[in-house]
Amino acid sequence: MHSRERRACRRFTLNHPVLMGTSGDGAHLAEILDAGVEGMRVRMTNQAGFQVGHEVDIACLSRKNHADTVNLRCRVAWEDAENLEVGLTYLQ
């Protein structure tokens, strides 16, 4: 099933840069492609190895790639390794 077919809520296109990582790993540059009230779809810039069930931290970046004060804790709901995308659900 395609990821768009699993969505229960409307999504909004963002294309916003973020840093994504786990507590025991360094942060990886990524981009929020779209987001809704329950989660978001993120494209990573490299094969970071985030798997379904992993908890990750998201730090939003400003347009000058500085970390903003907006931080989110999420869980990986699905992964598409071929396209370097993951679906995240919010934990907070």
PDB file of N, CA and C in Angstrom:
ATOM      1  N   MET A   1       0.845  -1.174   0.000  1.00  0.00           N
ATOM      2  CA  MET A   1       0.000   0.000   0.000  1.00  0.00           C
ATOM      3  C   MET A   1       0.892   1.239   0.000  1.00  0.00           C
ATOM      4  N   HIS A   2       0.562   2.197  -0.817  1.00  0.00           N
ATOM      5  CA  HIS A   2       1.335   3.436  -0.901  1.00  0.00           C
ATOM      6  C   HIS A   2       1.096   4.283   0.342  1.00  0.00           C
ATOM      7  N   SER A   3       2.124   5.040   0.748  1.00  0.00           N
ATOM      8  CA  SER A   3       2.042   5.808   1.997  1.00  0.00           C
ATOM      9  C   SER A   3       0.874   6.787   2.011  1.00  0.00           C
ATOM     10  N   ARG A   4       0.559   7.391   0.892  1.00  0.00           N
ATOM     11  CA  ARG A   4      -0.535   8.363   0.860  1.00  0.00           C
ATOM     12  C   ARG A   4      -1.880   7.699   1.160  1.00  0.00           C
ATOM     13  N   GLU A   5      -2.026   6.439   0.820  1.00  0.00           N
ATOM     14  CA  GLU A   5      -3.279   5.730   1.043  1.00  0.00           C
ATOM     15  C   GLU A   5      -3.508   5.409   2.512  1.00  0.00           C
ATOM     16  N   ARG A   6      -2.451   5.404   3.328  1.00  0.00           N
ATOM     17  CA  ARG A   6      -2.579   5.082   4.751  1.00  0.00           C
ATOM     18  C   ARG A   6      -2.972   6.299   5.581  1.00  0.00           C
ATOM     19  N   ARG A   7      -2.895   7.465   5.013  1.00  0.00           N
ATOM     20  CA  ARG A   7      -3.121   8.682   5.786  1.00  0.00           C
ATOM     21  C   ARG A   7      -4.591   8.880   6.116  1.00  0.00           C
ATOM     22  N   ALA A   8      -4.851   9.109   7.388  1.00  0.00           N
ATOM     23  CA  ALA A   8      -6.217   9.350   7.836  1.00  0.00           C
ATOM     24  C   ALA A   8      -6.519  10.841   7.900  1.00  0.00           C
ATOM     25  N   CYS A   9      -5.483  11.679   7.984  1.00  0.00           N
ATOM     26  CA  CYS A   9      -5.655  13.126   8.135  1.00  0.00           C
ATOM     27  C   CYS A   9      -5.040  13.860   6.952  1.00  0.00           C
ATOM     28  N   ARG A  10      -5.545  15.037   6.707  1.00  0.00           N
ATOM     29  CA  ARG A  10      -5.025  15.883   5.631  1.00  0.00           C
ATOM     30  C   ARG A  10      -3.588  16.302   5.936  1.00  0.00           C
ATOM     31  N   ARG A  11      -2.749  16.362   4.916  1.00  0.00           N
ATOM     32  CA  ARG A  11      -1.356  16.779   5.040  1.00  0.00           C
ATOM     33  C   ARG A  11      -1.151  18.102   4.313  1.00  0.00           C
ATOM     34  N   PHE A  12      -0.170  18.856   4.802  1.00  0.00           N
ATOM     35  CA  PHE A  12       0.186  20.132   4.198  1.00  0.00           C
ATOM     36  C   PHE A  12       1.638  20.085   3.758  1.00  0.00           C
ATOM     37  N   THR A  13       1.912  20.498   2.535  1.00  0.00           N
ATOM     38  CA  THR A  13       3.270  20.507   2.002  1.00  0.00           C
ATOM     39  C   THR A  13       4.095  21.560   2.722  1.00  0.00           C
ATOM     40  N   LEU A  14       5.290  21.166   3.176  1.00  0.00           N
ATOM     41  CA  LEU A  14       6.157  22.093   3.909  1.00  0.00           C
ATOM     42  C   LEU A  14       7.511  22.297   3.244  1.00  0.00           C
ATOM     43  N   ASN A  15       8.188  21.213   2.867  1.00  0.00           N
ATOM     44  CA  ASN A  15       9.548  21.287   2.332  1.00  0.00           C
ATOM     45  C   ASN A  15      10.435  22.141   3.222  1.00  0.00           C
ATOM     46  N   HIS A  16      10.526  21.742   4.501  1.00  0.00           N
ATOM     47  CA  HIS A  16      11.270  22.511   5.506  1.00  0.00           C
ATOM     48  C   HIS A  16      12.455  21.693   6.027  1.00  0.00           C
ATOM     49  N   PRO A  17      13.658  22.295   6.091  1.00  0.00           N
ATOM     50  CA  PRO A  17      14.841  21.559   6.560  1.00  0.00           C
ATOM     51  C   PRO A  17      14.808  21.302   8.066  1.00  0.00           C
ATOM     52  N   VAL A  18      15.291  20.115   8.459  1.00  0.00           N
ATOM     53  CA  VAL A  18      15.354  19.725   9.870  1.00  0.00           C
ATOM     54  C   VAL A  18      16.619  18.906  10.113  1.00  0.00           C
ATOM     55  N   LEU A  19      16.963  18.762  11.390  1.00  0.00           N
ATOM     56  CA  LEU A  19      17.964  17.791  11.814  1.00  0.00           C
ATOM     57  C   LEU A  19      17.206  16.660  12.478  1.00  0.00           C
ATOM     58  N   MET A  20      17.537  15.424  12.114  1.00  0.00           N
ATOM     59  CA  MET A  20      16.819  14.260  12.621  1.00  0.00           C
ATOM     60  C   MET A  20      17.832  13.276  13.186  1.00  0.00           C
ATOM     61  N   GLY A  21      17.587  12.804  14.411  1.00  0.00           N
ATOM     62  CA  GLY A  21      18.519  11.856  15.005  1.00  0.00           C
ATOM     63  C   GLY A  21      17.917  11.139  16.191  1.00  0.00           C
ATOM     64  N   THR A  22      18.666  10.163  16.689  1.00  0.00           N
ATOM     65  CA  THR A  22      18.276   9.448  17.894  1.00  0.00           C
ATOM     66  C   THR A  22      19.180   9.909  19.021  1.00  0.00           C
ATOM     67  N   SER A  23      18.810   9.599  20.240  1.00  0.00           N
ATOM     68  CA  SER A  23      19.590  10.060  21.389  1.00  0.00           C
ATOM     69  C   SER A  23      21.009   9.503  21.386  1.00  0.00           C
ATOM     70  N   GLY A  24      21.230   8.333  20.812  1.00  0.00           N
ATOM     71  CA  GLY A  24      22.561   7.743  20.801  1.00  0.00           C
ATOM     72  C   GLY A  24      23.314   7.941  19.502  1.00  0.00           C
ATOM     73  N   ASP A  25      22.760   8.727  18.589  1.00  0.00           N
ATOM     74  CA  ASP A  25      23.343   8.899  17.266  1.00  0.00           C
ATOM     75  C   ASP A  25      23.436  10.381  16.945  1.00  0.00           C
ATOM     76  N   GLY A  26      24.292  10.729  16.018  1.00  0.00           N
ATOM     77  CA  GLY A  26      24.382  12.115  15.581  1.00  0.00           C
ATOM     78  C   GLY A  26      23.176  12.508  14.750  1.00  0.00           C
ATOM     79  N   ALA A  27      23.005  13.794  14.538  1.00  0.00           N
ATOM     80  CA  ALA A  27      21.879  14.303  13.765  1.00  0.00           C
ATOM     81  C   ALA A  27      22.181  14.229  12.270  1.00  0.00           C
ATOM     82  N   HIS A  28      21.135  13.978  11.491  1.00  0.00           N
ATOM     83  CA  HIS A  28      21.237  13.888  10.040  1.00  0.00           C
ATOM     84  C   HIS A  28      20.356  14.974   9.430  1.00  0.00           C
ATOM     85  N   LEU A  29      20.853  15.627   8.394  1.00  0.00           N
ATOM     86  CA  LEU A  29      20.063  16.627   7.692  1.00  0.00           C
ATOM     87  C   LEU A  29      18.932  15.929   6.946  1.00  0.00           C
ATOM     88  N   ALA A  30      17.733  16.475   7.051  1.00  0.00           N
ATOM     89  CA  ALA A  30      16.554  15.903   6.404  1.00  0.00           C
ATOM     90  C   ALA A  30      15.607  17.040   6.033  1.00  0.00           C
ATOM     91  N   GLU A  31      14.491  16.690   5.411  1.00  0.00           N
ATOM     92  CA  GLU A  31      13.504  17.692   4.995  1.00  0.00           C
ATOM     93  C   GLU A  31      12.102  17.157   5.258  1.00  0.00           C
ATOM     94  N   ILE A  32      11.285  17.945   5.958  1.00  0.00           N
ATOM     95  CA  ILE A  32       9.875  17.587   6.126  1.00  0.00           C
ATOM     96  C   ILE A  32       9.198  17.862   4.792  1.00  0.00           C
ATOM     97  N   LEU A  33       8.671  16.825   4.163  1.00  0.00           N
ATOM     98  CA  LEU A  33       7.981  16.997   2.888  1.00  0.00           C
ATOM     99  C   LEU A  33       6.554  17.464   3.099  1.00  0.00           C
ATOM    100  N   ASP A  34       5.871  16.837   4.051  1.00  0.00           N
ATOM    101  CA  ASP A  34       4.514  17.252   4.390  1.00  0.00           C
ATOM    102  C   ASP A  34       4.213  16.818   5.817  1.00  0.00           C
ATOM    103  N   ALA A  35       3.207  17.453   6.412  1.00  0.00           N
ATOM    104  CA  ALA A  35       2.860  17.164   7.808  1.00  0.00           C
ATOM    105  C   ALA A  35       1.370  17.360   8.025  1.00  0.00           C
ATOM    106  N   GLY A  36       0.856  16.657   9.026  1.00  0.00           N
ATOM    107  CA  GLY A  36      -0.530  16.776   9.436  1.00  0.00           C
ATOM    108  C   GLY A  36      -0.604  16.760  10.950  1.00  0.00           C
ATOM    109  N   VAL A  37      -1.793  16.624  11.482  1.00  0.00           N
ATOM    110  CA  VAL A  37      -1.970  16.693  12.931  1.00  0.00           C
ATOM    111  C   VAL A  37      -1.428  15.466  13.660  1.00  0.00           C
ATOM    112  N   GLU A  38      -1.231  14.355  12.972  1.00  0.00           N
ATOM    113  CA  GLU A  38      -0.753  13.138  13.628  1.00  0.00           C
ATOM    114  C   GLU A  38       0.680  12.761  13.281  1.00  0.00           C
ATOM    115  N   GLY A  39       1.246  13.364  12.229  1.00  0.00           N
ATOM    116  CA  GLY A  39       2.598  12.987  11.843  1.00  0.00           C
ATOM    117  C   GLY A  39       3.092  13.727  10.626  1.00  0.00           C
ATOM    118  N   MET A  40       4.233  13.252  10.102  1.00  0.00           N
ATOM    119  CA  MET A  40       4.867  13.908   8.964  1.00  0.00           C
ATOM    120  C   MET A  40       5.621  12.889   8.114  1.00  0.00           C
ATOM    121  N   ARG A  41       5.906  13.300   6.879  1.00  0.00           N
ATOM    122  CA  ARG A  41       6.738  12.507   5.974  1.00  0.00           C
ATOM    123  C   ARG A  41       8.041  13.263   5.789  1.00  0.00           C
ATOM    124  N   VAL A  42       9.160  12.566   5.995  1.00  0.00           N
ATOM    125  CA  VAL A  42      10.479  13.193   5.976  1.00  0.00           C
ATOM    126  C   VAL A  42      11.371  12.476   4.972  1.00  0.00           C
ATOM    127  N   ARG A  43      12.123  13.263   4.191  1.00  0.00           N
ATOM    128  CA  ARG A  43      13.129  12.699   3.286  1.00  0.00           C
ATOM    129  C   ARG A  43      14.501  12.994   3.860  1.00  0.00           C
ATOM    130  N   MET A  44      15.308  11.953   3.977  1.00  0.00           N
ATOM    131  CA  MET A  44      16.664  12.099   4.511  1.00  0.00           C
ATOM    132  C   MET A  44      17.648  12.368   3.373  1.00  0.00           C
ATOM    133  N   THR A  45      18.784  12.985   3.699  1.00  0.00           N
ATOM    134  CA  THR A  45      19.788  13.272   2.679  1.00  0.00           C
ATOM    135  C   THR A  45      20.743  12.105   2.474  1.00  0.00           C
ATOM    136  N   ASN A  46      20.716  11.143   3.397  1.00  0.00           N
ATOM    137  CA  ASN A  46      21.550   9.947   3.250  1.00  0.00           C
ATOM    138  C   ASN A  46      20.846   8.764   3.905  1.00  0.00           C
ATOM    139  N   GLN A  47      21.405   7.600   3.748  1.00  0.00           N
ATOM    140  CA  GLN A  47      20.831   6.384   4.331  1.00  0.00           C
ATOM    141  C   GLN A  47      21.157   6.351   5.822  1.00  0.00           C
ATOM    142  N   ALA A  48      20.285   6.903   6.638  1.00  0.00           N
ATOM    143  CA  ALA A  48      20.547   7.044   8.070  1.00  0.00           C
ATOM    144  C   ALA A  48      20.205   5.787   8.868  1.00  0.00           C
ATOM    145  N   GLY A  49      19.435   4.877   8.305  1.00  0.00           N
ATOM    146  CA  GLY A  49      19.133   3.627   8.988  1.00  0.00           C
ATOM    147  C   GLY A  49      18.032   3.710  10.035  1.00  0.00           C
ATOM    148  N   PHE A  50      17.120   4.680   9.926  1.00  0.00           N
ATOM    149  CA  PHE A  50      15.993   4.750  10.853  1.00  0.00           C
ATOM    150  C   PHE A  50      14.986   3.678  10.466  1.00  0.00           C
ATOM    151  N   GLN A  51      14.616   2.827  11.423  1.00  0.00           N
ATOM    152  CA  GLN A  51      13.709   1.722  11.155  1.00  0.00           C
ATOM    153  C   GLN A  51      12.397   1.919  11.898  1.00  0.00           C
ATOM    154  N   VAL A  52      11.370   1.222  11.425  1.00  0.00           N
ATOM    155  CA  VAL A  52      10.050   1.289  12.050  1.00  0.00           C
ATOM    156  C   VAL A  52      10.191   0.992  13.539  1.00  0.00           C
ATOM    157  N   GLY A  53       9.589   1.849  14.354  1.00  0.00           N
ATOM    158  CA  GLY A  53       9.634   1.702  15.802  1.00  0.00           C
ATOM    159  C   GLY A  53      10.685   2.559  16.479  1.00  0.00           C
ATOM    160  N   HIS A  54      11.703   3.009  15.736  1.00  0.00           N
ATOM    161  CA  HIS A  54      12.725   3.883  16.329  1.00  0.00           C
ATOM    162  C   HIS A  54      12.107   5.206  16.760  1.00  0.00           C
ATOM    163  N   GLU A  55      12.554   5.723  17.892  1.00  0.00           N
ATOM    164  CA  GLU A  55      12.158   7.061  18.323  1.00  0.00           C
ATOM    165  C   GLU A  55      13.246   8.027  17.877  1.00  0.00           C
ATOM    166  N   VAL A  56      12.826   9.156  17.317  1.00  0.00           N
ATOM    167  CA  VAL A  56      13.768  10.137  16.778  1.00  0.00           C
ATOM    168  C   VAL A  56      13.429  11.528  17.288  1.00  0.00           C
ATOM    169  N   ASP A  57      14.428  12.381  17.297  1.00  0.00           N
ATOM    170  CA  ASP A  57      14.256  13.788  17.639  1.00  0.00           C
ATOM    171  C   ASP A  57      14.371  14.607  16.364  1.00  0.00           C
ATOM    172  N   ILE A  58      13.480  15.577  16.221  1.00  0.00           N
ATOM    173  CA  ILE A  58      13.480  16.479  15.076  1.00  0.00           C
ATOM    174  C   ILE A  58      13.741  17.887  15.595  1.00  0.00           C
ATOM    175  N   ALA A  59      14.745  18.554  15.026  1.00  0.00           N
ATOM    176  CA  ALA A  59      15.023  19.961  15.342  1.00  0.00           C
ATOM    177  C   ALA A  59      14.821  20.748  14.061  1.00  0.00           C
ATOM    178  N   CYS A  60      13.854  21.660  14.063  1.00  0.00           N
ATOM    179  CA  CYS A  60      13.584  22.465  12.879  1.00  0.00           C
ATOM    180  C   CYS A  60      14.726  23.443  12.649  1.00  0.00           C
ATOM    181  N   LEU A  61      15.043  23.671  11.380  1.00  0.00           N
ATOM    182  CA  LEU A  61      16.110  24.595  11.012  1.00  0.00           C
ATOM    183  C   LEU A  61      15.521  25.849  10.393  1.00  0.00           C
ATOM    184  N   SER A  62      16.187  26.959  10.618  1.00  0.00           N
ATOM    185  CA  SER A  62      15.793  28.193   9.954  1.00  0.00           C
ATOM    186  C   SER A  62      16.286  28.121   8.514  1.00  0.00           C
ATOM    187  N   ARG A  63      15.946  29.077   7.721  1.00  0.00           N
ATOM    188  CA  ARG A  63      16.387  29.102   6.322  1.00  0.00           C
ATOM    189  C   ARG A  63      17.906  29.221   6.207  1.00  0.00           C
ATOM    190  N   LYS A  64      18.580  29.646   7.277  1.00  0.00           N
ATOM    191  CA  LYS A  64      20.041  29.743   7.269  1.00  0.00           C
ATOM    192  C   LYS A  64      20.668  28.516   7.918  1.00  0.00           C
ATOM    193  N   ASN A  65      19.869  27.444   8.090  1.00  0.00           N
ATOM    194  CA  ASN A  65      20.308  26.163   8.656  1.00  0.00           C
ATOM    195  C   ASN A  65      20.810  26.252  10.092  1.00  0.00           C
ATOM    196  N   HIS A  66      20.213  27.142  10.880  1.00  0.00           N
ATOM    197  CA  HIS A  66      20.484  27.195  12.316  1.00  0.00           C
ATOM    198  C   HIS A  66      19.325  26.502  13.023  1.00  0.00           C
ATOM    199  N   ALA A  67      19.628  25.715  14.046  1.00  0.00           N
ATOM    200  CA  ALA A  67      18.573  25.011  14.783  1.00  0.00           C
ATOM    201  C   ALA A  67      17.682  26.014  15.500  1.00  0.00           C
ATOM    202  N   ASP A  68      16.392  25.905  15.284  1.00  0.00           N
ATOM    203  CA  ASP A  68      15.418  26.749  15.969  1.00  0.00           C
ATOM    204  C   ASP A  68      15.057  26.094  17.299  1.00  0.00           C
ATOM    205  N   THR A  69      14.162  26.733  18.034  1.00  0.00           N
ATOM    206  CA  THR A  69      13.763  26.205  19.333  1.00  0.00           C
ATOM    207  C   THR A  69      12.674  25.141  19.228  1.00  0.00           C
ATOM    208  N   VAL A  70      12.172  24.863  18.031  1.00  0.00           N
ATOM    209  CA  VAL A  70      11.118  23.872  17.860  1.00  0.00           C
ATOM    210  C   VAL A  70      11.748  22.484  17.757  1.00  0.00           C
ATOM    211  N   ASN A  71      11.486  21.651  18.757  1.00  0.00           N
ATOM    212  CA  ASN A  71      11.983  20.276  18.770  1.00  0.00           C
ATOM    213  C   ASN A  71      10.811  19.331  18.959  1.00  0.00           C
ATOM    214  N   LEU A  72      10.830  18.229  18.231  1.00  0.00           N
ATOM    215  CA  LEU A  72       9.755  17.242  18.296  1.00  0.00           C
ATOM    216  C   LEU A  72      10.331  15.862  18.563  1.00  0.00           C
ATOM    217  N   ARG A  73       9.599  15.066  19.308  1.00  0.00           N
ATOM    218  CA  ARG A  73       9.946  13.657  19.533  1.00  0.00           C
ATOM    219  C   ARG A  73       8.934  12.845  18.738  1.00  0.00           C
ATOM    220  N   CYS A  74       9.424  11.939  17.889  1.00  0.00           N
ATOM    221  CA  CYS A  74       8.554  11.167  17.004  1.00  0.00           C
ATOM    222  C   CYS A  74       8.965   9.701  16.988  1.00  0.00           C
ATOM    223  N   ARG A  75       8.093   8.873  16.416  1.00  0.00           N
ATOM    224  CA  ARG A  75       8.386   7.448  16.216  1.00  0.00           C
ATOM    225  C   ARG A  75       8.230   7.146  14.726  1.00  0.00           C
ATOM    226  N   VAL A  76       9.145   6.347  14.189  1.00  0.00           N
ATOM    227  CA  VAL A  76       9.078   5.951  12.785  1.00  0.00           C
ATOM    228  C   VAL A  76       7.920   4.968  12.610  1.00  0.00           C
ATOM    229  N   ALA A  77       6.952   5.334  11.765  1.00  0.00           N
ATOM    230  CA  ALA A  77       5.774   4.502  11.516  1.00  0.00           C
ATOM    231  C   ALA A  77       5.961   3.625  10.279  1.00  0.00           C
ATOM    232  N   TRP A  78       6.683   4.131   9.284  1.00  0.00           N
ATOM    233  CA  TRP A  78       6.982   3.370   8.070  1.00  0.00           C
ATOM    234  C   TRP A  78       8.256   3.918   7.457  1.00  0.00           C
ATOM    235  N   GLU A  79       8.893   3.103   6.611  1.00  0.00           N
ATOM    236  CA  GLU A  79      10.105   3.544   5.928  1.00  0.00           C
ATOM    237  C   GLU A  79      10.058   3.138   4.466  1.00  0.00           C
ATOM    238  N   ASP A  80      10.626   3.978   3.633  1.00  0.00           N
ATOM    239  CA  ASP A  80      10.780   3.724   2.203  1.00  0.00           C
ATOM    240  C   ASP A  80      12.254   3.950   1.896  1.00  0.00           C
ATOM    241  N   ALA A  81      13.055   2.904   2.079  1.00  0.00           N
ATOM    242  CA  ALA A  81      14.509   3.022   1.935  1.00  0.00           C
ATOM    243  C   ALA A  81      14.915   3.421   0.522  1.00  0.00           C
ATOM    244  N   GLU A  82      14.152   2.994  -0.469  1.00  0.00           N
ATOM    245  CA  GLU A  82      14.479   3.318  -1.861  1.00  0.00           C
ATOM    246  C   GLU A  82      14.445   4.822  -2.110  1.00  0.00           C
ATOM    247  N   ASN A  83      13.480   5.519  -1.518  1.00  0.00           N
ATOM    248  CA  ASN A  83      13.334   6.963  -1.707  1.00  0.00           C
ATOM    249  C   ASN A  83      13.872   7.778  -0.537  1.00  0.00           C
ATOM    250  N   LEU A  84      14.520   7.108   0.433  1.00  0.00           N
ATOM    251  CA  LEU A  84      15.081   7.760   1.624  1.00  0.00           C
ATOM    252  C   LEU A  84      14.025   8.526   2.411  1.00  0.00           C
ATOM    253  N   GLU A  85      12.807   7.974   2.490  1.00  0.00           N
ATOM    254  CA  GLU A  85      11.716   8.631   3.200  1.00  0.00           C
ATOM    255  C   GLU A  85      11.256   7.791   4.382  1.00  0.00           C
ATOM    256  N   VAL A  86      10.784   8.479   5.420  1.00  0.00           N
ATOM    257  CA  VAL A  86      10.159   7.824   6.565  1.00  0.00           C
ATOM    258  C   VAL A  86       8.893   8.582   6.932  1.00  0.00           C
ATOM    259  N   GLY A  87       7.931   7.853   7.471  1.00  0.00           N
ATOM    260  CA  GLY A  87       6.735   8.453   8.029  1.00  0.00           C
ATOM    261  C   GLY A  87       6.878   8.472   9.537  1.00  0.00           C
ATOM    262  N   LEU A  88       6.605   9.605  10.148  1.00  0.00           N
ATOM    263  CA  LEU A  88       6.763   9.764  11.589  1.00  0.00           C
ATOM    264  C   LEU A  88       5.438  10.104  12.243  1.00  0.00           C
ATOM    265  N   THR A  89       5.204   9.558  13.442  1.00  0.00           N
ATOM    266  CA  THR A  89       4.062   9.960  14.258  1.00  0.00           C
ATOM    267  C   THR A  89       4.600  10.719  15.463  1.00  0.00           C
ATOM    268  N   TYR A  90       3.873  11.742  15.879  1.00  0.00           N
ATOM    269  CA  TYR A  90       4.298  12.573  17.009  1.00  0.00           C
ATOM    270  C   TYR A  90       4.126  11.820  18.326  1.00  0.00           C
ATOM    271  N   LEU A  91       5.083  11.966  19.224  1.00  0.00           N
ATOM    272  CA  LEU A  91       4.987  11.370  20.556  1.00  0.00           C
ATOM    273  C   LEU A  91       4.642  12.409  21.611  1.00  0.00           C
ATOM    274  N   GLN A  92       4.824  13.670  21.357  1.00  0.00           N
ATOM    275  CA  GLN A  92       4.558  14.712  22.345  1.00  0.00           C
ATOM    276  C   GLN A  92       3.399  15.577  21.932  1.00  0.00           C
TER     277      GLN A  92
END
